[in-house]
Every structure is written in C-alpha cells, then in structure tokens.
Amino acid sequence: MPVVRDLGVLLRLRNFRRLLAVRLLSQSADGVYQVALATHVVFSPEKQATPAAIASAMAVLLLPYSLIGPFAGVLLDRWPRRQVFLYGNLLRAVLACSTAVLLLAPVPDWLFYASALCVTAVNRFVLAGLSAALPRVVDTERLVLANSLSPTAGTLAATAGGGVALTIRLLADGSNAVVVLLGAALYLLSALTSLTLPRTLLGPDRGLDHAPLREALSSTARGLVAGLRHLAERKDAAYALAAMTVLRFCYGALTVMVLMLCRYAWSDDESDGLGLLSLALGASAAGYFVAALMSPWAVGRFGRYGWLAGCAGAAALLEPALGLPFALTPMLAAAFVLGLVTQGAKIATDTEVQTSVDDAYRGRVFSLYDVLFNVAFVAAAALSVLALPPDGRSVVVVLTVAVLYSVVSVFMLHRRRVSIALHRARTKD
C-alpha cells in the first residue's frame, strides 16, 4: 500500500523520529496530568461534581493561558524551538511535582488550580512549537502523512497516559499525587529527548528581521493583529480554522455530557464511573487511530475541504443516532465516531495551515489555533451548564451539536466547490 510505503519512509527520517519521540513523551505526560486533575475535580468522593463545577474548572485551566497564545507565537518565531521543548518540559516537571504536594496538603482550591494553570500554560508553547517545527523535518510531499501520524500518535500517547493514570487511580484510592509524579517523570524524559535534536534544526530561520524582544512583548497585540492579517490573506487556512473551531465546540459540549453520564447515569460510585470513562477514552482513541490511517488517502481523494466536510457530515448523522438513547454501548460507538471525525478534521486543518502560512508567521498562527481550540471548548462547557441536567441526559445538547456539524459540512462542501471552480478557471487561463 502506498500509505504504508510512505509511512516507512517517514519513520526512516531520523530527525522526524526524534521530534515524534519528544511529542509522544510530552503528550503522554499531558494525559497523565490531565486525568489526575479530572479525577480530582469530578471523581473525588468528597466532591459533588456538577456541569457548572466542571465548566468552572475548565475555565480556570483553559481560558487564562489562552491569553498566552499570542505571546507564545511571538516567542516561537524567534526562540530556537528545540530549546522551547527542553526548558518547557523541564519547567513542567518541576511544576507537576509542586501540584503533587498540593494534592496531599489541605490547601484552598484556588492554589491547586494556580499550580495546574502554570503547567498547562507552558503546554501552549510546547504544542504550538511541535506543530510549527514539523515542516522542518519532513518534505512537502509527505507532510499530510506526517500530520496524520504525528498529532494522532500524540493524541494516542495522551490517551494511553490517561489510561495508565486511570488504572493507577482505580487500583489505589487517593493516588492522584502518585499519578501527577508519573507525569512529572515523563515531562523530564521528553526534555532530555529533545537534546537529541540539533539546536537550530527546528527553526525559526536565523537572520529574519525581528524587533527587539522587549518591544515585541510590549506590542503583542500588534503581533497578534499581524498574524490575523496574514491568516486573512490565506483564506483557505482561515476557513479550515473556522470549521475546526466549531468542531471543537461540539467536542467540548459532548465531553461534559459524557463526564456527567459516567459519573451519575451509568454508575453508582466513583470507581465504576472511572472505569466507564476509561472505556470511552479507549473507544475515542481507536477512532484517532483509524483517522490516522484514513486521512492521507481521504485528503488525496477528496481534498482537505472535502475531508473536513465528510468528517462533519458523518458526525451530523451518527452522533444523534448513537447519542440519543443515552445508553452505554451506543455512546461508546459514538465516542469512536467522534474520535475519528475530530482527528480526521484536525489532520486536514493542520496540513492546510502548515502549507498555506509562511514560516515567519507559523508560530503565531498555530498559537491562535490553540487559543481558538481552548475558547471554543470552554464556551461549549459553559453553555452546557444551561442544558445539562445533573445526570447528563440532554436531548437539546445532542441535537444542537448535530445541527452545528451539519452547518460545517454544508459550508465546507460549498468552499470545496468554489476552490475547484477557481482552480479550473486558472488552468484555462
């Protein structure tokens, strides 16, 4: 198979393998750390989780560091990205250790959230840098495949890390601190692995005309506007980002719903709820894996817009069919479908942004990408508070999400037709 052959070529690229190892270790640590936080907030016996409590936790953890996104872009476009991976993961290892201490101590919730916020804030630099660095280790012909393998493998690593964290949590009650320390060890390994990459390999290019750092930091708003203007000039990338933002909103709403279903509708205690959540994560991870296999072929066959439209359309049809019974088995099938379509759409969007955006702006645009992701996710969680009952069963949420998927699918099909027509017109000229 051509995909298998190209995958073999890709994995023979030494620097790609090393960058992939950095991603896998870093994102597996993310999975461990995030599950530890989720189980502390949602599944701790002493806490009664509600949609409002979950939304508040997401807002505390996601919205403030979304403001760091523009700063991350400015710095990623001037700092050696290899050094960002090194020092960023070292810092996260130290901060994760402090979170473990706070979990064991009787401290106010705001102090715990502040520590978690610091860890996730650094995450913006690392993830945006990984996406911006990928074109530096892979040729253009195999960039779609690299975007299938690398982010999907990272997502699977995060899911595996989360699975390990859930297993530890199930086997030993009150072990969230131990889980967080495991995450700290993985962050440390990721930092050490980044040292295998040459310091300047991952960019940005030297000799670019940059303003002094102090001026750049003080004028971050102007830098953000410049990134937005550049994105506006690259309409294909802008439309893909807009579509992906809506899909992320849908994913956020369904995530809160599944958390509440696992916690209250399908289980009688915290341990059973955690076990069901692990099944949902596993089903979603299987969808990510299938998306990685399908996306290179699908993008080549239907184009990036066509694959985006197909993913959204499949979700629009299958999500209500599988979700409305609010039963465990159909919902696990829905988790698989949503994993497939969300990751498939992300692969297409990542590739569109990487190929359409100039390298000098790529860090800023991917930081904006992350900001849109987080704001959409938190907004969905906040709006879910208005519709979700305590047990998580909400027909309104399921149908609203299906309508949004349908709108994205129709819009992207329209953009695909417009793009094809423009291409044919240029060919005739």
Protein backbone atom coordinates (compact mmCIF):
# COMPACT_ATOMS: atom_id res chain seq x y z
CA MET A 1 0.00 0.00 0.00
CA PRO A 2 1.32 3.49 -0.85
CA VAL A 3 0.44 4.82 2.62
CA VAL A 4 2.37 2.01 4.31
CA ARG A 5 5.34 2.58 2.00
CA ASP A 6 5.36 6.33 2.67
CA LEU A 7 4.98 5.67 6.38
CA GLY A 8 8.09 3.50 6.26
CA VAL A 9 9.99 6.29 4.51
CA LEU A 10 8.76 8.80 7.08
CA LEU A 11 9.87 6.71 10.03
CA ARG A 12 13.32 6.32 8.48
CA LEU A 13 13.82 10.08 8.81
CA ARG A 14 15.96 10.32 11.93
CA ASN A 15 15.01 13.84 12.98
CA PHE A 16 11.32 13.14 12.43
CA ARG A 17 11.58 10.13 14.75
CA ARG A 18 13.28 12.24 17.39
CA LEU A 19 10.70 15.01 17.17
CA LEU A 20 7.98 12.37 17.35
CA ALA A 21 9.57 10.93 20.49
CA VAL A 22 9.52 14.37 22.11
CA ARG A 23 5.83 14.68 21.25
CA LEU A 24 4.91 11.20 22.49
CA LEU A 25 6.59 11.63 25.85
CA SER A 26 5.26 15.16 26.30
CA GLN A 27 1.68 14.32 25.39
CA SER A 28 1.64 11.10 27.39
CA ALA A 29 2.62 13.24 30.36
CA ASP A 30 -0.21 15.62 29.46
CA GLY A 31 -2.64 12.70 29.50
CA VAL A 32 -1.42 11.54 32.89
CA TYR A 33 -1.57 15.04 34.37
CA GLN A 34 -4.96 15.95 32.91
CA VAL A 35 -6.61 12.73 34.07
CA ALA A 36 -5.22 13.31 37.55
CA LEU A 37 -6.82 16.76 37.54
CA ALA A 38 -10.11 15.45 36.13
CA THR A 39 -10.40 12.64 38.65
CA HIS A 40 -9.63 15.08 41.47
CA VAL A 41 -12.35 17.51 40.33
CA VAL A 42 -15.02 15.08 39.07
CA PHE A 43 -14.48 11.71 40.73
CA SER A 44 -13.14 12.51 44.19
CA PRO A 45 -15.56 11.07 46.78
CA GLU A 46 -15.56 14.32 48.77
CA LYS A 47 -16.62 16.39 45.74
CA GLN A 48 -20.08 16.53 44.14
CA ALA A 49 -19.39 17.36 40.52
CA THR A 50 -21.98 19.35 38.55
CA PRO A 51 -21.88 20.69 34.99
CA ALA A 52 -21.22 24.12 36.47
CA ALA A 53 -18.30 22.81 38.54
CA ILE A 54 -16.79 21.08 35.50
CA ALA A 55 -17.23 24.20 33.37
CA SER A 56 -15.65 26.34 36.09
CA ALA A 57 -12.65 24.04 36.30
CA MET A 58 -12.23 24.13 32.52
CA ALA A 59 -12.45 27.91 32.52
CA VAL A 60 -9.85 28.24 35.27
CA LEU A 61 -7.47 25.85 33.50
CA LEU A 62 -8.00 26.88 29.88
CA LEU A 63 -9.11 30.49 29.48
CA PRO A 64 -6.30 32.32 31.34
CA TYR A 65 -3.49 30.56 29.50
CA SER A 66 -5.30 31.10 26.21
CA LEU A 67 -4.12 34.68 26.65
CA ILE A 68 -0.56 33.35 26.49
CA GLY A 69 -1.16 32.11 22.95
CA PRO A 70 -0.12 35.34 21.19
CA PHE A 71 2.98 35.60 23.40
CA ALA A 72 3.83 32.01 22.55
CA GLY A 73 3.65 32.80 18.85
CA VAL A 74 5.92 35.83 19.08
CA LEU A 75 8.48 33.87 21.07
CA LEU A 76 8.26 30.73 18.95
CA ASP A 77 9.04 32.85 15.90
CA ARG A 78 12.33 34.00 17.49
CA TRP A 79 13.40 31.33 20.01
CA PRO A 80 15.03 28.06 18.90
CA ARG A 81 12.11 25.65 19.08
CA ARG A 82 14.33 22.85 20.34
CA GLN A 83 15.08 24.98 23.41
CA VAL A 84 11.37 25.54 23.96
CA PHE A 85 10.88 21.78 24.19
CA LEU A 86 13.86 21.39 26.52
CA TYR A 87 13.19 24.14 29.04
CA GLY A 88 9.41 23.98 28.74
CA ASN A 89 9.28 20.32 29.72
CA LEU A 90 11.85 20.77 32.47
CA LEU A 91 9.71 23.54 33.94
CA ARG A 92 6.59 21.41 33.70
CA ALA A 93 8.32 18.56 35.52
CA VAL A 94 9.09 20.89 38.43
CA LEU A 95 5.60 22.40 38.45
CA ALA A 96 3.95 18.97 38.34
CA CYS A 97 5.89 17.99 41.44
CA SER A 98 4.51 21.06 43.20
CA THR A 99 0.98 20.04 42.17
CA ALA A 100 1.53 16.61 43.74
CA VAL A 101 2.50 18.27 47.01
CA LEU A 102 -0.64 20.44 46.92
CA LEU A 103 -2.83 17.37 46.38
CA LEU A 104 -1.52 15.92 49.63
CA ALA A 105 -1.85 19.14 51.62
CA PRO A 106 -5.07 20.77 52.89
CA VAL A 107 -4.84 23.85 50.67
CA PRO A 108 -7.54 26.06 49.09
CA ASP A 109 -8.81 25.03 45.67
CA TRP A 110 -7.53 28.25 44.07
CA LEU A 111 -3.94 27.34 44.96
CA PHE A 112 -4.33 23.91 43.36
CA TYR A 113 -5.79 25.48 40.22
CA ALA A 114 -3.00 28.06 40.10
CA SER A 115 -0.39 25.30 40.08
CA ALA A 116 -2.26 23.39 37.38
CA LEU A 117 -2.63 26.59 35.38
CA CYS A 118 1.15 27.06 35.32
CA VAL A 119 1.69 23.55 33.94
CA THR A 120 -0.91 23.94 31.23
CA ALA A 121 0.31 27.44 30.35
CA VAL A 122 3.71 26.06 29.37
CA ASN A 123 1.87 23.44 27.33
CA ARG A 124 0.87 26.18 24.86
CA PHE A 125 4.50 26.78 23.94
CA VAL A 126 5.31 23.10 23.55
CA LEU A 127 2.32 22.04 21.45
CA ALA A 128 2.42 25.09 19.19
CA GLY A 129 6.16 24.57 18.74
CA LEU A 130 5.71 20.90 17.80
CA SER A 131 3.26 21.81 15.04
CA ALA A 132 5.40 24.69 13.78
CA ALA A 133 8.54 22.51 13.73
CA LEU A 134 7.08 19.58 11.78
CA PRO A 135 7.69 21.05 8.27
CA ARG A 136 11.38 21.41 9.20
CA VAL A 137 11.88 17.64 9.44
CA VAL A 138 9.52 16.38 6.68
CA ASP A 139 9.38 17.16 2.97
CA THR A 140 6.25 18.74 1.48
CA GLU A 141 5.15 15.53 -0.29
CA ARG A 142 4.82 13.64 2.97
CA LEU A 143 3.52 16.48 5.12
CA VAL A 144 -0.08 15.20 5.04
CA LEU A 145 1.09 11.77 6.19
CA ALA A 146 3.27 13.37 8.87
CA ASN A 147 0.25 15.33 10.06
CA SER A 148 -1.68 12.07 10.22
CA LEU A 149 0.99 10.24 12.16
CA SER A 150 2.49 12.84 14.46
CA PRO A 151 -0.51 14.61 16.07
CA THR A 152 -2.54 11.40 16.06
CA ALA A 153 0.27 9.48 17.71
CA GLY A 154 0.49 12.31 20.23
CA THR A 155 -3.23 12.07 20.91
CA LEU A 156 -2.94 8.30 21.31
CA ALA A 157 0.00 8.82 23.66
CA ALA A 158 -2.10 11.24 25.71
CA THR A 159 -4.92 8.70 25.76
CA ALA A 160 -2.53 5.94 26.81
CA GLY A 161 -1.13 8.18 29.52
CA GLY A 162 -4.66 8.89 30.67
CA GLY A 163 -5.39 5.16 30.68
CA VAL A 164 -2.36 4.48 32.85
CA ALA A 165 -3.43 7.26 35.19
CA LEU A 166 -6.95 5.84 35.44
CA THR A 167 -5.57 2.37 36.14
CA ILE A 168 -3.38 3.67 38.95
CA ARG A 169 -6.29 5.67 40.32
CA LEU A 170 -8.58 2.62 40.27
CA LEU A 171 -6.03 0.31 41.90
CA ALA A 172 -5.08 2.69 44.69
CA ASP A 173 -7.61 5.12 46.14
CA GLY A 174 -6.35 8.61 46.78
CA SER A 175 -3.36 8.14 44.47
CA ASN A 176 -3.72 11.34 42.43
CA ALA A 177 -0.42 12.64 43.78
CA VAL A 178 1.38 9.49 42.60
CA VAL A 179 -0.21 9.90 39.17
CA VAL A 180 0.96 13.50 38.93
CA LEU A 181 4.52 12.46 39.85
CA LEU A 182 4.42 9.95 36.99
CA GLY A 183 3.52 12.83 34.69
CA ALA A 184 6.47 14.82 36.04
CA ALA A 185 8.83 11.95 35.20
CA LEU A 186 7.50 11.80 31.63
CA TYR A 187 7.96 15.56 31.21
CA LEU A 188 11.57 15.12 32.29
CA LEU A 189 12.13 12.33 29.75
CA SER A 190 10.65 14.50 26.99
CA ALA A 191 13.02 17.32 27.88
CA LEU A 192 16.03 15.01 27.74
CA THR A 193 14.89 13.51 24.42
CA SER A 194 14.78 16.97 22.83
CA LEU A 195 18.56 17.18 23.31
CA THR A 196 18.98 14.58 20.54
CA LEU A 197 17.84 17.21 18.00
CA PRO A 198 20.25 19.88 16.68
CA ARG A 199 19.65 23.21 18.38
CA THR A 200 18.84 25.19 15.22
CA LEU A 201 17.21 22.47 13.11
CA LEU A 202 13.60 23.20 14.03
CA GLY A 203 13.72 26.90 13.25
CA PRO A 204 12.85 29.66 13.07
CA ASP A 205 15.37 30.70 10.41
CA ARG A 206 18.19 32.94 11.51
CA GLY A 207 18.55 36.39 10.04
CA LEU A 208 14.84 37.19 10.00
CA ASP A 209 14.03 40.81 10.71
CA HIS A 210 12.70 40.77 14.28
CA ALA A 211 12.01 43.68 16.58
CA PRO A 212 13.81 43.67 19.95
CA LEU A 213 12.25 41.18 22.34
CA ARG A 214 11.08 43.82 24.82
CA GLU A 215 9.33 45.74 22.09
CA ALA A 216 7.80 42.53 20.72
CA LEU A 217 6.43 41.55 24.11
CA SER A 218 5.09 45.04 24.79
CA SER A 219 3.38 45.10 21.39
CA THR A 220 1.94 41.60 21.45
CA ALA A 221 -1.41 42.95 20.35
CA ARG A 222 0.18 44.29 17.17
CA GLY A 223 1.84 40.94 16.60
CA LEU A 224 -1.49 39.20 17.05
CA VAL A 225 -3.11 41.55 14.54
CA ALA A 226 -0.27 40.83 12.10
CA GLY A 227 -0.87 37.10 12.48
CA LEU A 228 -4.59 37.60 11.94
CA ARG A 229 -3.95 39.72 8.86
CA HIS A 230 -1.63 37.09 7.45
CA LEU A 231 -4.26 34.45 8.17
CA ALA A 232 -6.90 36.62 6.47
CA GLU A 233 -4.72 36.65 3.36
CA ARG A 234 -4.60 32.85 3.48
CA LYS A 235 -8.34 32.27 3.20
CA ASP A 236 -8.07 28.51 2.78
CA ALA A 237 -6.35 28.24 6.16
CA ALA A 238 -8.79 30.70 7.74
CA TYR A 239 -11.85 28.73 6.62
CA ALA A 240 -10.33 25.47 7.83
CA LEU A 241 -9.58 27.02 11.23
CA ALA A 242 -13.13 28.35 11.50
CA ALA A 243 -14.57 24.92 10.75
CA MET A 244 -12.25 23.22 13.21
CA THR A 245 -13.21 25.72 15.93
CA VAL A 246 -16.88 24.77 15.56
CA LEU A 247 -16.00 21.08 15.68
CA ARG A 248 -14.01 21.70 18.84
CA PHE A 249 -17.04 23.44 20.35
CA CYS A 250 -19.13 20.36 19.62
CA TYR A 251 -16.48 18.12 21.14
CA GLY A 252 -16.43 20.22 24.32
CA ALA A 253 -20.19 20.02 24.79
CA LEU A 254 -20.19 16.26 24.33
CA THR A 255 -17.20 15.82 26.64
CA VAL A 256 -19.05 17.43 29.55
CA MET A 257 -22.11 15.33 28.79
CA VAL A 258 -20.13 12.07 28.78
CA LEU A 259 -18.37 13.01 32.03
CA MET A 260 -21.74 13.53 33.73
CA LEU A 261 -23.15 10.31 32.27
CA CYS A 262 -20.16 8.31 33.51
CA ARG A 263 -20.32 9.94 36.93
CA TYR A 264 -24.06 9.72 37.62
CA ALA A 265 -26.19 7.99 34.94
CA TRP A 266 -24.22 4.83 34.27
CA SER A 267 -22.53 4.14 37.62
CA ASP A 268 -23.26 4.02 41.32
CA ASP A 269 -19.84 5.01 42.63
CA GLU A 270 -16.64 6.82 41.63
CA SER A 271 -14.67 3.69 40.72
CA ASP A 272 -17.33 2.46 38.31
CA GLY A 273 -17.53 5.92 36.78
CA LEU A 274 -13.79 6.00 36.21
CA GLY A 275 -13.91 2.58 34.59
CA LEU A 276 -16.62 3.71 32.17
CA LEU A 277 -14.70 6.89 31.38
CA SER A 278 -11.66 4.77 30.52
CA LEU A 279 -13.81 2.75 28.08
CA ALA A 280 -14.99 5.96 26.41
CA LEU A 281 -11.40 7.19 26.13
CA GLY A 282 -10.33 3.88 24.61
CA ALA A 283 -13.11 4.00 22.02
CA SER A 284 -12.18 7.55 21.10
CA ALA A 285 -8.50 6.57 20.83
CA ALA A 286 -9.44 3.81 18.39
CA GLY A 287 -11.16 6.46 16.31
CA TYR A 288 -7.99 8.58 16.32
CA PHE A 289 -6.02 5.61 15.06
CA VAL A 290 -8.42 4.92 12.21
CA ALA A 291 -8.35 8.62 11.29
CA ALA A 292 -4.57 8.46 11.01
CA LEU A 293 -4.87 5.57 8.56
CA MET A 294 -7.71 7.05 6.52
CA SER A 295 -6.77 10.72 6.34
CA PRO A 296 -3.83 10.59 3.88
CA TRP A 297 -5.96 8.66 1.40
CA ALA A 298 -9.08 10.76 2.07
CA VAL A 299 -7.27 14.10 1.69
CA GLY A 300 -5.71 12.87 -1.55
CA ARG A 301 -9.06 11.66 -2.85
CA PHE A 302 -11.42 14.42 -1.70
CA GLY A 303 -9.09 17.30 -0.85
CA ARG A 304 -8.69 18.95 2.56
CA TYR A 305 -12.05 20.73 2.38
CA GLY A 306 -13.77 17.59 1.14
CA TRP A 307 -12.41 15.50 4.01
CA LEU A 308 -13.40 18.19 6.52
CA ALA A 309 -16.92 18.21 5.07
CA GLY A 310 -17.11 14.42 5.16
CA CYS A 311 -16.00 14.25 8.79
CA ALA A 312 -18.54 16.86 9.88
CA GLY A 313 -21.30 15.22 7.82
CA ALA A 314 -20.64 11.79 9.31
CA ALA A 315 -20.80 13.26 12.81
CA ALA A 316 -24.05 15.08 11.99
CA LEU A 317 -25.70 11.79 11.03
CA LEU A 318 -24.21 9.37 13.54
CA GLU A 319 -23.92 11.50 16.69
CA PRO A 320 -27.69 11.85 17.30
CA ALA A 321 -28.42 8.29 16.15
CA LEU A 322 -25.95 6.86 18.67
CA GLY A 323 -26.24 9.51 21.37
CA LEU A 324 -29.99 9.99 21.86
CA PRO A 325 -30.58 6.58 23.53
CA PHE A 326 -28.14 7.73 26.26
CA ALA A 327 -27.12 4.09 26.64
CA LEU A 328 -23.57 2.95 27.27
CA THR A 329 -22.93 0.75 24.21
CA PRO A 330 -24.23 3.21 21.56
CA MET A 331 -22.40 6.04 23.32
CA LEU A 332 -19.12 4.11 23.13
CA ALA A 333 -19.72 3.74 19.39
CA ALA A 334 -20.36 7.48 19.26
CA ALA A 335 -17.05 8.08 21.07
CA PHE A 336 -15.28 6.08 18.36
CA VAL A 337 -17.01 8.07 15.60
CA LEU A 338 -16.23 11.40 17.24
CA GLY A 339 -12.60 10.41 17.72
CA LEU A 340 -12.36 9.52 14.04
CA VAL A 341 -14.07 12.63 12.65
CA THR A 342 -12.46 15.09 15.06
CA GLN A 343 -8.95 13.81 14.45
CA GLY A 344 -9.55 13.46 10.72
CA ALA A 345 -10.69 17.08 10.53
CA LYS A 346 -7.73 18.21 12.61
CA ILE A 347 -5.27 16.44 10.32
CA ALA A 348 -6.74 18.25 7.32
CA THR A 349 -6.72 21.59 9.16
CA ASP A 350 -3.14 21.20 10.40
CA THR A 351 -1.94 20.45 6.89
CA GLU A 352 -3.85 23.40 5.41
CA VAL A 353 -2.36 25.81 7.94
CA GLN A 354 1.18 24.46 7.58
CA THR A 355 1.15 24.66 3.79
CA SER A 356 -0.69 27.99 3.49
CA VAL A 357 1.04 30.04 6.19
CA ASP A 358 4.55 31.48 5.83
CA ASP A 359 7.16 30.09 8.23
CA ALA A 360 7.77 33.53 9.75
CA TYR A 361 4.12 33.60 10.90
CA ARG A 362 3.58 29.91 11.53
CA GLY A 363 4.24 30.03 15.26
CA ARG A 364 1.78 32.88 15.77
CA VAL A 365 -0.91 31.26 13.66
CA PHE A 366 -0.62 27.94 15.49
CA SER A 367 -0.82 29.83 18.77
CA LEU A 368 -4.03 31.44 17.53
CA TYR A 369 -5.16 27.96 16.56
CA ASP A 370 -4.64 26.82 20.16
CA VAL A 371 -6.48 29.85 21.53
CA LEU A 372 -9.49 29.14 19.32
CA PHE A 373 -9.41 25.50 20.43
CA ASN A 374 -9.49 26.36 24.12
CA VAL A 375 -12.02 29.18 23.95
CA ALA A 376 -14.38 27.01 21.90
CA PHE A 377 -14.03 24.12 24.35
CA VAL A 378 -14.69 26.27 27.43
CA ALA A 379 -17.57 28.10 25.74
CA ALA A 380 -19.18 24.75 24.98
CA ALA A 381 -18.74 23.62 28.57
CA ALA A 382 -20.22 26.88 29.87
CA LEU A 383 -23.27 26.68 27.60
CA SER A 384 -23.76 23.03 28.52
CA VAL A 385 -24.47 24.20 32.06
CA LEU A 386 -27.72 25.71 30.78
CA ALA A 387 -28.91 22.50 29.13
CA LEU A 388 -27.43 19.55 31.03
CA PRO A 389 -29.39 18.03 33.91
CA PRO A 390 -27.44 16.54 36.83
CA ASP A 391 -27.26 13.07 35.23
CA GLY A 392 -26.07 14.39 31.84
CA ARG A 393 -29.02 13.27 29.68
CA SER A 394 -29.88 16.19 27.38
CA VAL A 395 -31.66 15.87 24.03
CA VAL A 396 -31.08 19.60 23.46
CA VAL A 397 -27.29 19.25 23.61
CA VAL A 398 -27.24 16.24 21.27
CA LEU A 399 -29.47 17.87 18.65
CA THR A 400 -27.75 21.27 18.83
CA VAL A 401 -24.39 19.65 18.25
CA ALA A 402 -25.80 17.69 15.29
CA VAL A 403 -27.05 20.93 13.71
CA LEU A 404 -23.62 22.54 14.11
CA TYR A 405 -21.93 19.56 12.48
CA SER A 406 -24.40 19.85 9.58
CA VAL A 407 -23.68 23.56 9.10
CA VAL A 408 -19.92 22.92 8.98
CA SER A 409 -20.35 20.10 6.48
CA VAL A 410 -22.50 22.19 4.11
CA PHE A 411 -20.18 25.19 4.36
CA MET A 412 -17.03 23.18 3.65
CA LEU A 413 -18.68 21.47 0.68
CA HIS A 414 -19.51 24.92 -0.69
CA ARG A 415 -15.92 26.10 -0.19
CA ARG A 416 -14.65 22.96 -1.90
CA ARG A 417 -16.80 23.66 -4.96
CA VAL A 418 -15.61 27.28 -5.05
CA SER A 419 -11.98 26.18 -4.74
CA ILE A 420 -12.35 23.66 -7.57
CA ALA A 421 -14.02 26.26 -9.80
CA LEU A 422 -11.24 28.78 -9.17
CA HIS A 423 -8.59 26.16 -9.91
CA ARG A 424 -10.26 25.25 -13.21
CA ALA A 425 -10.54 28.92 -14.17
CA ARG A 426 -6.82 29.47 -13.52
CA THR A 427 -5.98 26.34 -15.52
CA LYS A 428 -7.95 27.60 -18.53
CA ASP A 429 -6.21 30.98 -18.35
